[in-house]
Amino acid sequence: MEVIGKIKLINETQTFGASGFRKRELVVTTDEQYPQMIMIEFVQDKCDLLNSYAVGQDVKVSINLRGREWINPEGQAKYFNSIQGWRIEAVQASAPQNLPPVDQFQPASNSSDAEPDDLPF
């Protein structure tokens, strides 16, 4: 899966426990009618992928959805989801795909002021 949008936030790398587990969080704002701010985790060696990116850049992030179960002390199951990034690449802001560039329009060749205005309104 992929998330495409503009980088809103890049957190510093966090290290946890004696094992040295590393995690770094990225927030991407999607470009939709109702923009979403998606938090994506990069873990272990993938943390370094974010070093060459900055807030405001347009990016495409390849992600995996992760889920896990946790049994609390009362014996009830709780479920947690996370979004893990494994690749990120810069994308260029794109113009609308169905419109040609302005310089490709040709001027009308047969228009004149002598033609009657026959519009009904």
PDB file of N, CA and C in Angstrom:
ATOM      1  N   MET A   1       0.839  -1.169   0.000  1.00  0.00           N
ATOM      2  CA  MET A   1       0.000   0.000   0.000  1.00  0.00           C
ATOM      3  C   MET A   1       0.886   1.235   0.000  1.00  0.00           C
ATOM      4  N   GLU A   2       0.281   2.362  -0.404  1.00  0.00           N
ATOM      5  CA  GLU A   2       1.034   3.604  -0.456  1.00  0.00           C
ATOM      6  C   GLU A   2       0.215   4.759   0.105  1.00  0.00           C
ATOM      7  N   VAL A   3       0.911   5.714   0.688  1.00  0.00           N
ATOM      8  CA  VAL A   3       0.320   6.959   1.157  1.00  0.00           C
ATOM      9  C   VAL A   3       1.045   8.072   0.427  1.00  0.00           C
ATOM     10  N   ILE A   4       0.280   8.968  -0.212  1.00  0.00           N
ATOM     11  CA  ILE A   4       0.873  10.078  -0.945  1.00  0.00           C
ATOM     12  C   ILE A   4       0.394  11.374  -0.317  1.00  0.00           C
ATOM     13  N   GLY A   5       1.324  12.274  -0.047  1.00  0.00           N
ATOM     14  CA  GLY A   5       0.952  13.546   0.552  1.00  0.00           C
ATOM     15  C   GLY A   5       2.167  14.398   0.850  1.00  0.00           C
ATOM     16  N   LYS A   6       1.960  15.397   1.693  1.00  0.00           N
ATOM     17  CA  LYS A   6       2.998  16.357   2.053  1.00  0.00           C
ATOM     18  C   LYS A   6       3.447  16.069   3.490  1.00  0.00           C
ATOM     19  N   ILE A   7       4.768  16.094   3.716  1.00  0.00           N
ATOM     20  CA  ILE A   7       5.303  15.844   5.056  1.00  0.00           C
ATOM     21  C   ILE A   7       4.899  16.990   5.977  1.00  0.00           C
ATOM     22  N   LYS A   8       4.229  16.648   7.071  1.00  0.00           N
ATOM     23  CA  LYS A   8       3.835  17.630   8.087  1.00  0.00           C
ATOM     24  C   LYS A   8       4.829  17.642   9.244  1.00  0.00           C
ATOM     25  N   LEU A   9       5.382  16.462   9.581  1.00  0.00           N
ATOM     26  CA  LEU A   9       6.237  16.337  10.757  1.00  0.00           C
ATOM     27  C   LEU A   9       7.165  15.146  10.598  1.00  0.00           C
ATOM     28  N   ILE A  10       8.429  15.330  11.010  1.00  0.00           N
ATOM     29  CA  ILE A  10       9.384  14.217  11.107  1.00  0.00           C
ATOM     30  C   ILE A  10       9.967  14.282  12.509  1.00  0.00           C
ATOM     31  N   ASN A  11       9.683  13.272  13.314  1.00  0.00           N
ATOM     32  CA  ASN A  11      10.222  13.226  14.674  1.00  0.00           C
ATOM     33  C   ASN A  11      11.637  12.675  14.675  1.00  0.00           C
ATOM     34  N   GLU A  12      12.345  12.925  15.775  1.00  0.00           N
ATOM     35  CA  GLU A  12      13.677  12.361  15.966  1.00  0.00           C
ATOM     36  C   GLU A  12      13.552  10.861  16.239  1.00  0.00           C
ATOM     37  N   THR A  13      14.638  10.137  16.014  1.00  0.00           N
ATOM     38  CA  THR A  13      14.661   8.700  16.288  1.00  0.00           C
ATOM     39  C   THR A  13      14.626   8.462  17.792  1.00  0.00           C
ATOM     40  N   GLN A  14      13.777   7.531  18.232  1.00  0.00           N
ATOM     41  CA  GLN A  14      13.690   7.137  19.637  1.00  0.00           C
ATOM     42  C   GLN A  14      14.276   5.747  19.779  1.00  0.00           C
ATOM     43  N   THR A  15      14.979   5.508  20.883  1.00  0.00           N
ATOM     44  CA  THR A  15      15.556   4.195  21.168  1.00  0.00           C
ATOM     45  C   THR A  15      14.936   3.669  22.448  1.00  0.00           C
ATOM     46  N   PHE A  16      14.545   2.377  22.441  1.00  0.00           N
ATOM     47  CA  PHE A  16      13.846   1.770  23.566  1.00  0.00           C
ATOM     48  C   PHE A  16      14.577   0.511  24.039  1.00  0.00           C
ATOM     49  N   GLY A  17      14.614   0.323  25.358  1.00  0.00           N
ATOM     50  CA  GLY A  17      15.073  -0.922  25.964  1.00  0.00           C
ATOM     51  C   GLY A  17      16.543  -1.217  25.763  1.00  0.00           C
ATOM     52  N   ALA A  18      16.941  -2.322  26.386  1.00  0.00           N
ATOM     53  CA  ALA A  18      18.334  -2.760  26.329  1.00  0.00           C
ATOM     54  C   ALA A  18      18.700  -3.279  24.939  1.00  0.00           C
ATOM     55  N   SER A  19      17.695  -3.701  24.170  1.00  0.00           N
ATOM     56  CA  SER A  19      17.970  -4.237  22.835  1.00  0.00           C
ATOM     57  C   SER A  19      18.271  -3.135  21.823  1.00  0.00           C
ATOM     58  N   GLY A  20      17.950  -1.888  22.178  1.00  0.00           N
ATOM     59  CA  GLY A  20      18.229  -0.781  21.271  1.00  0.00           C
ATOM     60  C   GLY A  20      17.226  -0.651  20.141  1.00  0.00           C
ATOM     61  N   PHE A  21      15.986  -1.077  20.357  1.00  0.00           N
ATOM     62  CA  PHE A  21      14.947  -0.948  19.338  1.00  0.00           C
ATOM     63  C   PHE A  21      14.779   0.528  18.984  1.00  0.00           C
ATOM     64  N   ARG A  22      14.784   0.832  17.675  1.00  0.00           N
ATOM     65  CA  ARG A  22      14.672   2.220  17.217  1.00  0.00           C
ATOM     66  C   ARG A  22      13.365   2.433  16.458  1.00  0.00           C
ATOM     67  N   LYS A  23      12.778   3.636  16.663  1.00  0.00           N
ATOM     68  CA  LYS A  23      11.536   3.996  15.981  1.00  0.00           C
ATOM     69  C   LYS A  23      11.577   5.488  15.659  1.00  0.00           C
ATOM     70  N   ARG A  24      11.059   5.842  14.491  1.00  0.00           N
ATOM     71  CA  ARG A  24      10.965   7.245  14.076  1.00  0.00           C
ATOM     72  C   ARG A  24       9.608   7.453  13.414  1.00  0.00           C
ATOM     73  N   GLU A  25       8.932   8.534  13.787  1.00  0.00           N
ATOM     74  CA  GLU A  25       7.579   8.773  13.287  1.00  0.00           C
ATOM     75  C   GLU A  25       7.563   9.910  12.263  1.00  0.00           C
ATOM     76  N   LEU A  26       6.734   9.710  11.251  1.00  0.00           N
ATOM     77  CA  LEU A  26       6.535  10.660  10.166  1.00  0.00           C
ATOM     78  C   LEU A  26       5.039  10.914  10.059  1.00  0.00           C
ATOM     79  N   VAL A  27       4.631  12.164   9.880  1.00  0.00           N
ATOM     80  CA  VAL A  27       3.222  12.482   9.647  1.00  0.00           C
ATOM     81  C   VAL A  27       3.105  13.059   8.247  1.00  0.00           C
ATOM     82  N   VAL A  28       2.215  12.454   7.452  1.00  0.00           N
ATOM     83  CA  VAL A  28       1.963  12.876   6.080  1.00  0.00           C
ATOM     84  C   VAL A  28       0.519  13.357   5.993  1.00  0.00           C
ATOM     85  N   THR A  29       0.310  14.538   5.398  1.00  0.00           N
ATOM     86  CA  THR A  29      -1.036  15.054   5.168  1.00  0.00           C
ATOM     87  C   THR A  29      -1.419  14.748   3.732  1.00  0.00           C
ATOM     88  N   THR A  30      -2.523  14.004   3.565  1.00  0.00           N
ATOM     89  CA  THR A  30      -2.964  13.619   2.234  1.00  0.00           C
ATOM     90  C   THR A  30      -3.628  14.798   1.536  1.00  0.00           C
ATOM     91  N   ASP A  31      -3.687  14.736   0.215  1.00  0.00           N
ATOM     92  CA  ASP A  31      -4.303  15.788  -0.589  1.00  0.00           C
ATOM     93  C   ASP A  31      -5.639  15.260  -1.100  1.00  0.00           C
ATOM     94  N   GLU A  32      -6.655  15.369  -0.262  1.00  0.00           N
ATOM     95  CA  GLU A  32      -7.995  14.881  -0.590  1.00  0.00           C
ATOM     96  C   GLU A  32      -8.994  15.970  -0.249  1.00  0.00           C
ATOM     97  N   GLN A  33     -10.273  15.711  -0.546  1.00  0.00           N
ATOM     98  CA  GLN A  33     -11.305  16.669  -0.166  1.00  0.00           C
ATOM     99  C   GLN A  33     -11.274  16.910   1.342  1.00  0.00           C
ATOM    100  N   TYR A  34     -11.091  15.848   2.104  1.00  0.00           N
ATOM    101  CA  TYR A  34     -10.941  15.927   3.550  1.00  0.00           C
ATOM    102  C   TYR A  34      -9.560  15.379   3.900  1.00  0.00           C
ATOM    103  N   PRO A  35      -8.520  16.246   3.916  1.00  0.00           N
ATOM    104  CA  PRO A  35      -7.153  15.774   4.156  1.00  0.00           C
ATOM    105  C   PRO A  35      -7.032  15.011   5.473  1.00  0.00           C
ATOM    106  N   GLN A  36      -6.236  13.946   5.424  1.00  0.00           N
ATOM    107  CA  GLN A  36      -5.985  13.112   6.585  1.00  0.00           C
ATOM    108  C   GLN A  36      -4.524  13.277   6.986  1.00  0.00           C
ATOM    109  N   MET A  37      -4.271  13.309   8.288  1.00  0.00           N
ATOM    110  CA  MET A  37      -2.904  13.343   8.787  1.00  0.00           C
ATOM    111  C   MET A  37      -2.566  11.939   9.269  1.00  0.00           C
ATOM    112  N   ILE A  38      -1.744  11.243   8.501  1.00  0.00           N
ATOM    113  CA  ILE A  38      -1.418   9.844   8.741  1.00  0.00           C
ATOM    114  C   ILE A  38      -0.046   9.747   9.403  1.00  0.00           C
ATOM    115  N   MET A  39      -0.008   9.111  10.583  1.00  0.00           N
ATOM    116  CA  MET A  39       1.257   8.899  11.276  1.00  0.00           C
ATOM    117  C   MET A  39       1.808   7.541  10.844  1.00  0.00           C
ATOM    118  N   ILE A  40       3.037   7.544  10.363  1.00  0.00           N
ATOM    119  CA  ILE A  40       3.689   6.342   9.853  1.00  0.00           C
ATOM    120  C   ILE A  40       4.958   6.117  10.659  1.00  0.00           C
ATOM    121  N   GLU A  41       5.157   4.894  11.146  1.00  0.00           N
ATOM    122  CA  GLU A  41       6.353   4.544  11.911  1.00  0.00           C
ATOM    123  C   GLU A  41       7.391   3.913  10.996  1.00  0.00           C
ATOM    124  N   PHE A  42       8.633   4.321  11.174  1.00  0.00           N
ATOM    125  CA  PHE A  42       9.768   3.656  10.541  1.00  0.00           C
ATOM    126  C   PHE A  42      10.570   3.045  11.680  1.00  0.00           C
ATOM    127  N   VAL A  43      10.920   1.748  11.573  1.00  0.00           N
ATOM    128  CA  VAL A  43      11.604   1.074  12.673  1.00  0.00           C
ATOM    129  C   VAL A  43      12.965   0.536  12.236  1.00  0.00           C
ATOM    130  N   GLN A  44      13.848   0.399  13.234  1.00  0.00           N
ATOM    131  CA  GLN A  44      15.194  -0.146  13.085  1.00  0.00           C
ATOM    132  C   GLN A  44      15.973   0.580  11.987  1.00  0.00           C
ATOM    133  N   ASP A  45      16.509  -0.127  10.998  1.00  0.00           N
ATOM    134  CA  ASP A  45      17.344   0.502   9.975  1.00  0.00           C
ATOM    135  C   ASP A  45      16.549   1.405   9.036  1.00  0.00           C
ATOM    136  N   LYS A  46      15.231   1.282   8.995  1.00  0.00           N
ATOM    137  CA  LYS A  46      14.399   2.123   8.133  1.00  0.00           C
ATOM    138  C   LYS A  46      14.298   3.559   8.655  1.00  0.00           C
ATOM    139  N   CYS A  47      14.659   3.797   9.922  1.00  0.00           N
ATOM    140  CA  CYS A  47      14.645   5.154  10.492  1.00  0.00           C
ATOM    141  C   CYS A  47      15.517   6.096   9.672  1.00  0.00           C
ATOM    142  N   ASP A  48      16.630   5.582   9.178  1.00  0.00           N
ATOM    143  CA  ASP A  48      17.586   6.410   8.448  1.00  0.00           C
ATOM    144  C   ASP A  48      17.057   6.866   7.094  1.00  0.00           C
ATOM    145  N   LEU A  49      16.013   6.236   6.579  1.00  0.00           N
ATOM    146  CA  LEU A  49      15.441   6.646   5.291  1.00  0.00           C
ATOM    147  C   LEU A  49      14.906   8.071   5.342  1.00  0.00           C
ATOM    148  N   LEU A  50      14.540   8.546   6.522  1.00  0.00           N
ATOM    149  CA  LEU A  50      13.941   9.876   6.657  1.00  0.00           C
ATOM    150  C   LEU A  50      14.965  11.006   6.726  1.00  0.00           C
ATOM    151  N   ASN A  51      16.242  10.668   6.812  1.00  0.00           N
ATOM    152  CA  ASN A  51      17.282  11.685   6.989  1.00  0.00           C
ATOM    153  C   ASN A  51      17.334  12.708   5.864  1.00  0.00           C
ATOM    154  N   SER A  52      16.999  12.322   4.643  1.00  0.00           N
ATOM    155  CA  SER A  52      17.141  13.239   3.509  1.00  0.00           C
ATOM    156  C   SER A  52      15.827  13.921   3.123  1.00  0.00           C
ATOM    157  N   TYR A  53      14.842  13.897   4.017  1.00  0.00           N
ATOM    158  CA  TYR A  53      13.548  14.529   3.735  1.00  0.00           C
ATOM    159  C   TYR A  53      13.282  15.647   4.730  1.00  0.00           C
ATOM    160  N   ALA A  54      12.420  16.590   4.310  1.00  0.00           N
ATOM    161  CA  ALA A  54      12.125  17.754   5.145  1.00  0.00           C
ATOM    162  C   ALA A  54      10.631  18.040   5.149  1.00  0.00           C
ATOM    163  N   VAL A  55      10.188  18.748   6.163  1.00  0.00           N
ATOM    164  CA  VAL A  55       8.792  19.168   6.260  1.00  0.00           C
ATOM    165  C   VAL A  55       8.432  19.977   5.021  1.00  0.00           C
ATOM    166  N   GLY A  56       7.262  19.702   4.471  1.00  0.00           N
ATOM    167  CA  GLY A  56       6.781  20.415   3.287  1.00  0.00           C
ATOM    168  C   GLY A  56       6.992  19.680   1.986  1.00  0.00           C
ATOM    169  N   GLN A  57       7.824  18.630   1.981  1.00  0.00           N
ATOM    170  CA  GLN A  57       8.067  17.873   0.754  1.00  0.00           C
ATOM    171  C   GLN A  57       6.888  16.983   0.429  1.00  0.00           C
ATOM    172  N   ASP A  58       6.616  16.825  -0.890  1.00  0.00           N
ATOM    173  CA  ASP A  58       5.617  15.867  -1.350  1.00  0.00           C
ATOM    174  C   ASP A  58       6.297  14.510  -1.478  1.00  0.00           C
ATOM    175  N   VAL A  59       5.674  13.476  -0.892  1.00  0.00           N
ATOM    176  CA  VAL A  59       6.291  12.148  -0.866  1.00  0.00           C
ATOM    177  C   VAL A  59       5.265  11.063  -1.137  1.00  0.00           C
ATOM    178  N   LYS A  60       5.800   9.908  -1.520  1.00  0.00           N
ATOM    179  CA  LYS A  60       5.020   8.681  -1.615  1.00  0.00           C
ATOM    180  C   LYS A  60       5.682   7.677  -0.679  1.00  0.00           C
ATOM    181  N   VAL A  61       4.909   7.157   0.283  1.00  0.00           N
ATOM    182  CA  VAL A  61       5.449   6.253   1.289  1.00  0.00           C
ATOM    183  C   VAL A  61       4.818   4.878   1.102  1.00  0.00           C
ATOM    184  N   SER A  62       5.642   3.857   0.953  1.00  0.00           N
ATOM    185  CA  SER A  62       5.162   2.476   0.897  1.00  0.00           C
ATOM    186  C   SER A  62       5.008   1.982   2.324  1.00  0.00           C
ATOM    187  N   ILE A  63       3.843   1.396   2.619  1.00  0.00           N
ATOM    188  CA  ILE A  63       3.534   1.026   3.999  1.00  0.00           C
ATOM    189  C   ILE A  63       3.042  -0.410   4.102  1.00  0.00           C
ATOM    190  N   ASN A  64       3.119  -0.939   5.308  1.00  0.00           N
ATOM    191  CA  ASN A  64       2.471  -2.193   5.695  1.00  0.00           C
ATOM    192  C   ASN A  64       1.591  -1.893   6.897  1.00  0.00           C
ATOM    193  N   LEU A  65       0.405  -2.470   6.928  1.00  0.00           N
ATOM    194  CA  LEU A  65      -0.462  -2.365   8.099  1.00  0.00           C
ATOM    195  C   LEU A  65      -0.118  -3.516   9.023  1.00  0.00           C
ATOM    196  N   ARG A  66       0.065  -3.211  10.294  1.00  0.00           N
ATOM    197  CA  ARG A  66       0.401  -4.218  11.295  1.00  0.00           C
ATOM    198  C   ARG A  66      -0.657  -4.211  12.382  1.00  0.00           C
ATOM    199  N   GLY A  67      -0.974  -5.376  12.905  1.00  0.00           N
ATOM    200  CA  GLY A  67      -1.930  -5.493  14.003  1.00  0.00           C
ATOM    201  C   GLY A  67      -1.445  -6.535  14.992  1.00  0.00           C
ATOM    202  N   ARG A  68      -1.823  -6.335  16.255  1.00  0.00           N
ATOM    203  CA  ARG A  68      -1.410  -7.319  17.264  1.00  0.00           C
ATOM    204  C   ARG A  68      -2.466  -7.392  18.359  1.00  0.00           C
ATOM    205  N   GLU A  69      -2.411  -8.492  19.050  1.00  0.00           N
ATOM    206  CA  GLU A  69      -3.335  -8.736  20.155  1.00  0.00           C
ATOM    207  C   GLU A  69      -2.558  -8.686  21.466  1.00  0.00           C
ATOM    208  N   TRP A  70      -3.177  -8.124  22.501  1.00  0.00           N
ATOM    209  CA  TRP A  70      -2.588  -8.076  23.832  1.00  0.00           C
ATOM    210  C   TRP A  70      -3.667  -8.508  24.819  1.00  0.00           C
ATOM    211  N   ILE A  71      -3.333  -9.429  25.687  1.00  0.00           N
ATOM    212  CA  ILE A  71      -4.248  -9.894  26.718  1.00  0.00           C
ATOM    213  C   ILE A  71      -3.930  -9.130  28.000  1.00  0.00           C
ATOM    214  N   ASN A  72      -4.887  -8.342  28.481  1.00  0.00           N
ATOM    215  CA  ASN A  72      -4.642  -7.547  29.688  1.00  0.00           C
ATOM    216  C   ASN A  72      -4.704  -8.435  30.932  1.00  0.00           C
ATOM    217  N   PRO A  73      -4.334  -7.921  32.115  1.00  0.00           N
ATOM    218  CA  PRO A  73      -4.314  -8.738  33.328  1.00  0.00           C
ATOM    219  C   PRO A  73      -5.676  -9.349  33.697  1.00  0.00           C
ATOM    220  N   GLU A  74      -6.769  -8.748  33.225  1.00  0.00           N
ATOM    221  CA  GLU A  74      -8.103  -9.305  33.489  1.00  0.00           C
ATOM    222  C   GLU A  74      -8.480 -10.391  32.493  1.00  0.00           C
ATOM    223  N   GLY A  75      -7.603 -10.672  31.554  1.00  0.00           N
ATOM    224  CA  GLY A  75      -7.848 -11.731  30.584  1.00  0.00           C
ATOM    225  C   GLY A  75      -8.593 -11.277  29.336  1.00  0.00           C
ATOM    226  N   GLN A  76      -8.815  -9.976  29.187  1.00  0.00           N
ATOM    227  CA  GLN A  76      -9.518  -9.466  28.008  1.00  0.00           C
ATOM    228  C   GLN A  76      -8.518  -9.152  26.898  1.00  0.00           C
ATOM    229  N   ALA A  77      -8.920  -9.476  25.664  1.00  0.00           N
ATOM    230  CA  ALA A  77      -8.068  -9.208  24.513  1.00  0.00           C
ATOM    231  C   ALA A  77      -8.243  -7.764  24.058  1.00  0.00           C
ATOM    232  N   LYS A  78      -7.142  -7.101  23.807  1.00  0.00           N
ATOM    233  CA  LYS A  78      -7.113  -5.753  23.242  1.00  0.00           C
ATOM    234  C   LYS A  78      -6.337  -5.826  21.939  1.00  0.00           C
ATOM    235  N   TYR A  79      -6.737  -5.009  20.964  1.00  0.00           N
ATOM    236  CA  TYR A  79      -6.111  -5.052  19.647  1.00  0.00           C
ATOM    237  C   TYR A  79      -5.542  -3.680  19.294  1.00  0.00           C
ATOM    238  N   PHE A  80      -4.358  -3.691  18.703  1.00  0.00           N
ATOM    239  CA  PHE A  80      -3.661  -2.466  18.343  1.00  0.00           C
ATOM    240  C   PHE A  80      -3.222  -2.555  16.886  1.00  0.00           C
ATOM    241  N   ASN A  81      -3.295  -1.435  16.199  1.00  0.00           N
ATOM    242  CA  ASN A  81      -2.861  -1.344  14.806  1.00  0.00           C
ATOM    243  C   ASN A  81      -1.727  -0.340  14.695  1.00  0.00           C
ATOM    244  N   SER A  82      -0.868  -0.532  13.703  1.00  0.00           N
ATOM    245  CA  SER A  82       0.168   0.446  13.399  1.00  0.00           C
ATOM    246  C   SER A  82       0.400   0.453  11.894  1.00  0.00           C
ATOM    247  N   ILE A  83       0.929   1.563  11.431  1.00  0.00           N
ATOM    248  CA  ILE A  83       1.274   1.717  10.019  1.00  0.00           C
ATOM    249  C   ILE A  83       2.793   1.842   9.969  1.00  0.00           C
ATOM    250  N   GLN A  84       3.442   0.890   9.304  1.00  0.00           N
ATOM    251  CA  GLN A  84       4.907   0.897   9.234  1.00  0.00           C
ATOM    252  C   GLN A  84       5.360   1.198   7.816  1.00  0.00           C
ATOM    253  N   GLY A  85       6.233   2.203   7.706  1.00  0.00           N
ATOM    254  CA  GLY A  85       6.803   2.549   6.414  1.00  0.00           C
ATOM    255  C   GLY A  85       8.046   1.730   6.141  1.00  0.00           C
ATOM    256  N   TRP A  86       8.255   1.395   4.882  1.00  0.00           N
ATOM    257  CA  TRP A  86       9.458   0.650   4.514  1.00  0.00           C
ATOM    258  C   TRP A  86      10.176   1.261   3.315  1.00  0.00           C
ATOM    259  N   ARG A  87       9.527   2.258   2.660  1.00  0.00           N
ATOM    260  CA  ARG A  87      10.182   2.978   1.572  1.00  0.00           C
ATOM    261  C   ARG A  87       9.536   4.356   1.474  1.00  0.00           C
ATOM    262  N   ILE A  88      10.336   5.366   1.104  1.00  0.00           N
ATOM    263  CA  ILE A  88       9.822   6.717   0.901  1.00  0.00           C
ATOM    264  C   ILE A  88      10.531   7.301  -0.303  1.00  0.00           C
ATOM    265  N   GLU A  89       9.775   8.022  -1.131  1.00  0.00           N
ATOM    266  CA  GLU A  89      10.375   8.679  -2.282  1.00  0.00           C
ATOM    267  C   GLU A  89       9.699  10.023  -2.522  1.00  0.00           C
ATOM    268  N   ALA A  90      10.473  10.977  -3.001  1.00  0.00           N
ATOM    269  CA  ALA A  90       9.944  12.302  -3.295  1.00  0.00           C
ATOM    270  C   ALA A  90       9.117  12.223  -4.574  1.00  0.00           C
ATOM    271  N   VAL A  91       8.040  12.987  -4.611  1.00  0.00           N
ATOM    272  CA  VAL A  91       7.227  13.086  -5.825  1.00  0.00           C
ATOM    273  C   VAL A  91       7.115  14.556  -6.191  1.00  0.00           C
ATOM    274  N   GLN A  92       6.986  14.802  -7.474  1.00  0.00           N
ATOM    275  CA  GLN A  92       6.818  16.173  -7.956  1.00  0.00           C
ATOM    276  C   GLN A  92       5.348  16.539  -7.857  1.00  0.00           C
ATOM    277  N   ALA A  93       5.065  17.772  -7.473  1.00  0.00           N
ATOM    278  CA  ALA A  93       3.679  18.244  -7.471  1.00  0.00           C
ATOM    279  C   ALA A  93       3.203  18.203  -8.913  1.00  0.00           C
ATOM    280  N   SER A  94       2.075  17.558  -9.159  1.00  0.00           N
ATOM    281  CA  SER A  94       1.631  17.350 -10.533  1.00  0.00           C
ATOM    282  C   SER A  94       0.500  18.302 -10.901  1.00  0.00           C
ATOM    283  N   ALA A  95       0.484  18.670 -12.169  1.00  0.00           N
ATOM    284  CA  ALA A  95      -0.605  19.475 -12.714  1.00  0.00           C
ATOM    285  C   ALA A  95      -1.763  18.541 -13.038  1.00  0.00           C
ATOM    286  N   PRO A  96      -2.965  19.051 -13.201  1.00  0.00           N
ATOM    287  CA  PRO A  96      -4.086  18.183 -13.572  1.00  0.00           C
ATOM    288  C   PRO A  96      -3.759  17.402 -14.834  1.00  0.00           C
ATOM    289  N   GLN A  97      -4.053  16.129 -14.829  1.00  0.00           N
ATOM    290  CA  GLN A  97      -3.659  15.237 -15.915  1.00  0.00           C
ATOM    291  C   GLN A  97      -4.494  15.426 -17.188  1.00  0.00           C
ATOM    292  N   ASN A  98      -5.704  15.908 -17.092  1.00  0.00           N
ATOM    293  CA  ASN A  98      -6.570  15.950 -18.263  1.00  0.00           C
ATOM    294  C   ASN A  98      -6.519  17.286 -19.000  1.00  0.00           C
ATOM    295  N   LEU A  99      -5.695  18.234 -18.581  1.00  0.00           N
ATOM    296  CA  LEU A  99      -5.601  19.520 -19.250  1.00  0.00           C
ATOM    297  C   LEU A  99      -4.220  19.677 -19.877  1.00  0.00           C
ATOM    298  N   PRO A 100      -4.186  20.108 -21.150  1.00  0.00           N
ATOM    299  CA  PRO A 100      -2.877  20.336 -21.761  1.00  0.00           C
ATOM    300  C   PRO A 100      -2.259  21.609 -21.208  1.00  0.00           C
ATOM    301  N   PRO A 101      -0.943  21.736 -21.298  1.00  0.00           N
ATOM    302  CA  PRO A 101      -0.308  22.980 -20.857  1.00  0.00           C
ATOM    303  C   PRO A 101      -0.853  24.161 -21.662  1.00  0.00           C
ATOM    304  N   VAL A 102      -0.813  25.331 -21.079  1.00  0.00           N
ATOM    305  CA  VAL A 102      -1.405  26.517 -21.693  1.00  0.00           C
ATOM    306  C   VAL A 102      -0.795  26.810 -23.054  1.00  0.00           C
ATOM    307  N   ASP A 103       0.493  26.590 -23.225  1.00  0.00           N
ATOM    308  CA  ASP A 103       1.129  26.926 -24.497  1.00  0.00           C
ATOM    309  C   ASP A 103       0.741  25.979 -25.632  1.00  0.00           C
ATOM    310  N   GLN A 104      -0.038  24.947 -25.386  1.00  0.00           N
ATOM    311  CA  GLN A 104      -0.470  24.038 -26.447  1.00  0.00           C
ATOM    312  C   GLN A 104      -1.786  24.455 -27.088  1.00  0.00           C
ATOM    313  N   PHE A 105      -2.483  25.443 -26.536  1.00  0.00           N
ATOM    314  CA  PHE A 105      -3.733  25.887 -27.131  1.00  0.00           C
ATOM    315  C   PHE A 105      -3.424  26.718 -28.370  1.00  0.00           C
ATOM    316  N   GLN A 106      -4.162  26.472 -29.437  1.00  0.00           N
ATOM    317  CA  GLN A 106      -3.997  27.220 -30.677  1.00  0.00           C
ATOM    318  C   GLN A 106      -5.056  28.315 -30.742  1.00  0.00           C
ATOM    319  N   PRO A 107      -4.725  29.504 -31.228  1.00  0.00           N
ATOM    320  CA  PRO A 107      -5.741  30.543 -31.358  1.00  0.00           C
ATOM    321  C   PRO A 107      -6.770  30.151 -32.405  1.00  0.00           C
ATOM    322  N   ALA A 108      -7.983  30.621 -32.217  1.00  0.00           N
ATOM    323  CA  ALA A 108      -9.045  30.350 -33.193  1.00  0.00           C
ATOM    324  C   ALA A 108      -8.680  31.028 -34.502  1.00  0.00           C
ATOM    325  N   SER A 109      -8.836  30.297 -35.619  1.00  0.00           N
ATOM    326  CA  SER A 109      -8.389  30.830 -36.897  1.00  0.00           C
ATOM    327  C   SER A 109      -9.506  31.494 -37.685  1.00  0.00           C
ATOM    328  N   ASN A 110     -10.752  31.165 -37.426  1.00  0.00           N
ATOM    329  CA  ASN A 110     -11.823  31.688 -38.263  1.00  0.00           C
ATOM    330  C   ASN A 110     -12.809  32.558 -37.497  1.00  0.00           C
ATOM    331  N   SER A 111     -12.391  33.196 -36.443  1.00  0.00           N
ATOM    332  CA  SER A 111     -13.310  34.063 -35.711  1.00  0.00           C
ATOM    333  C   SER A 111     -13.223  35.478 -36.260  1.00  0.00           C
ATOM    334  N   SER A 112     -14.352  36.137 -36.299  1.00  0.00           N
ATOM    335  CA  SER A 112     -14.352  37.536 -36.735  1.00  0.00           C
ATOM    336  C   SER A 112     -15.474  38.262 -36.032  1.00  0.00           C
ATOM    337  N   ASP A 113     -15.353  39.574 -35.968  1.00  0.00           N
ATOM    338  CA  ASP A 113     -16.382  40.380 -35.329  1.00  0.00           C
ATOM    339  C   ASP A 113     -17.607  40.520 -36.225  1.00  0.00           C
ATOM    340  N   ALA A 114     -17.519  40.144 -37.488  1.00  0.00           N
ATOM    341  CA  ALA A 114     -18.634  40.301 -38.426  1.00  0.00           C
ATOM    342  C   ALA A 114     -19.672  39.189 -38.259  1.00  0.00           C
ATOM    343  N   GLU A 115     -19.330  38.129 -37.574  1.00  0.00           N
ATOM    344  CA  GLU A 115     -20.279  37.033 -37.401  1.00  0.00           C
ATOM    345  C   GLU A 115     -21.400  37.477 -36.480  1.00  0.00           C
ATOM    346  N   PRO A 116     -22.645  37.038 -36.778  1.00  0.00           N
ATOM    347  CA  PRO A 116     -23.780  37.437 -35.932  1.00  0.00           C
ATOM    348  C   PRO A 116     -23.720  36.745 -34.566  1.00  0.00           C
ATOM    349  N   ASP A 117     -24.172  37.423 -33.571  1.00  0.00           N
ATOM    350  CA  ASP A 117     -24.271  36.865 -32.232  1.00  0.00           C
ATOM    351  C   ASP A 117     -25.652  36.230 -32.110  1.00  0.00           C
ATOM    352  N   ASP A 118     -25.769  34.948 -32.367  1.00  0.00           N
ATOM    353  CA  ASP A 118     -27.076  34.283 -32.379  1.00  0.00           C
ATOM    354  C   ASP A 118     -27.369  33.488 -31.114  1.00  0.00           C
ATOM    355  N   LEU A 119     -26.702  33.810 -30.022  1.00  0.00           N
ATOM    356  CA  LEU A 119     -26.979  33.122 -28.779  1.00  0.00           C
ATOM    357  C   LEU A 119     -28.321  33.575 -28.239  1.00  0.00           C
ATOM    358  N   PRO A 120     -29.126  32.648 -27.690  1.00  0.00           N
ATOM    359  CA  PRO A 120     -30.476  33.006 -27.235  1.00  0.00           C
ATOM    360  C   PRO A 120     -30.505  33.754 -25.907  1.00  0.00           C
ATOM    361  N   PHE A 121     -29.414  34.042 -25.305  1.00  0.00           N
ATOM    362  CA  PHE A 121     -29.435  34.760 -24.037  1.00  0.00           C
ATOM    363  C   PHE A 121     -28.517  35.941 -24.029  1.00  0.00           C
TER     364      PHE A 121
END
